[in-house]
Amino acid sequence: MTQVTINNATRADYPALLEVWEASVRATHHFLAEGDLLLLACERI
């Protein structure tokens, strides 16, 4: 069994985490309009 170490995110990780968040929302929340996505994007920061 492979051991996995989980570390807390740092500020340096935020850009990559936000990219993953946006890609996953776009892939799974087709019911949201572009304007809704922009509002959510503003709230995530």
C-alpha atoms as a PDB file:
ATOM      1  CA  MET A   1       0.000   0.000   0.000  1.00  0.00           C
ATOM      2  CA  THR A   2       1.307   3.444  -0.931  1.00  0.00           C
ATOM      3  CA  GLN A   3       1.505   6.022   1.829  1.00  0.00           C
ATOM      4  CA  VAL A   4       0.179   9.469   0.944  1.00  0.00           C
ATOM      5  CA  THR A   5       1.182  12.609   2.804  1.00  0.00           C
ATOM      6  CA  ILE A   6      -1.285  15.492   2.799  1.00  0.00           C
ATOM      7  CA  ASN A   7       0.085  18.968   3.416  1.00  0.00           C
ATOM      8  CA  ASN A   8      -1.768  22.202   4.084  1.00  0.00           C
ATOM      9  CA  ALA A   9      -2.041  24.474   1.072  1.00  0.00           C
ATOM     10  CA  THR A  10       0.121  27.568   1.003  1.00  0.00           C
ATOM     11  CA  ARG A  11      -0.378  30.823  -0.893  1.00  0.00           C
ATOM     12  CA  ALA A  12       1.910  29.464  -3.591  1.00  0.00           C
ATOM     13  CA  ASP A  13      -0.606  26.641  -4.162  1.00  0.00           C
ATOM     14  CA  TYR A  14      -3.640  28.933  -4.621  1.00  0.00           C
ATOM     15  CA  PRO A  15      -3.351  29.568  -8.381  1.00  0.00           C
ATOM     16  CA  ALA A  16      -3.251  25.841  -9.161  1.00  0.00           C
ATOM     17  CA  LEU A  17      -6.053  25.081  -6.712  1.00  0.00           C
ATOM     18  CA  LEU A  18      -8.232  27.773  -8.251  1.00  0.00           C
ATOM     19  CA  GLU A  19      -7.597  26.360 -11.726  1.00  0.00           C
ATOM     20  CA  VAL A  20      -8.708  22.920 -10.551  1.00  0.00           C
ATOM     21  CA  TRP A  21     -11.773  24.444  -8.878  1.00  0.00           C
ATOM     22  CA  GLU A  22     -12.806  26.342 -12.003  1.00  0.00           C
ATOM     23  CA  ALA A  23     -12.273  23.356 -14.295  1.00  0.00           C
ATOM     24  CA  SER A  24     -14.305  21.078 -12.028  1.00  0.00           C
ATOM     25  CA  VAL A  25     -17.166  23.581 -11.722  1.00  0.00           C
ATOM     26  CA  ARG A  26     -17.281  24.076 -15.494  1.00  0.00           C
ATOM     27  CA  ALA A  27     -17.253  20.299 -16.031  1.00  0.00           C
ATOM     28  CA  THR A  28     -20.018  19.501 -13.547  1.00  0.00           C
ATOM     29  CA  HIS A  29     -22.250  22.577 -13.228  1.00  0.00           C
ATOM     30  CA  HIS A  30     -23.592  22.998 -16.758  1.00  0.00           C
ATOM     31  CA  PHE A  31     -26.734  24.637 -15.371  1.00  0.00           C
ATOM     32  CA  LEU A  32     -24.756  27.742 -14.312  1.00  0.00           C
ATOM     33  CA  ALA A  33     -24.619  30.690 -16.673  1.00  0.00           C
ATOM     34  CA  GLU A  34     -21.277  32.377 -17.361  1.00  0.00           C
ATOM     35  CA  GLY A  35     -22.357  35.280 -15.139  1.00  0.00           C
ATOM     36  CA  ASP A  36     -23.000  32.875 -12.272  1.00  0.00           C
ATOM     37  CA  LEU A  37     -19.530  31.407 -12.714  1.00  0.00           C
ATOM     38  CA  LEU A  38     -18.016  34.877 -12.618  1.00  0.00           C
ATOM     39  CA  LEU A  39     -19.846  35.653  -9.365  1.00  0.00           C
ATOM     40  CA  LEU A  40     -18.634  32.411  -7.824  1.00  0.00           C
ATOM     41  CA  ALA A  41     -15.110  33.119  -9.035  1.00  0.00           C
ATOM     42  CA  CYS A  42     -15.156  36.475  -7.241  1.00  0.00           C
ATOM     43  CA  GLU A  43     -16.329  34.836  -4.011  1.00  0.00           C
ATOM     44  CA  ARG A  44     -13.652  32.147  -4.022  1.00  0.00           C
ATOM     45  CA  ILE A  45     -10.827  34.649  -3.596  1.00  0.00           C
END
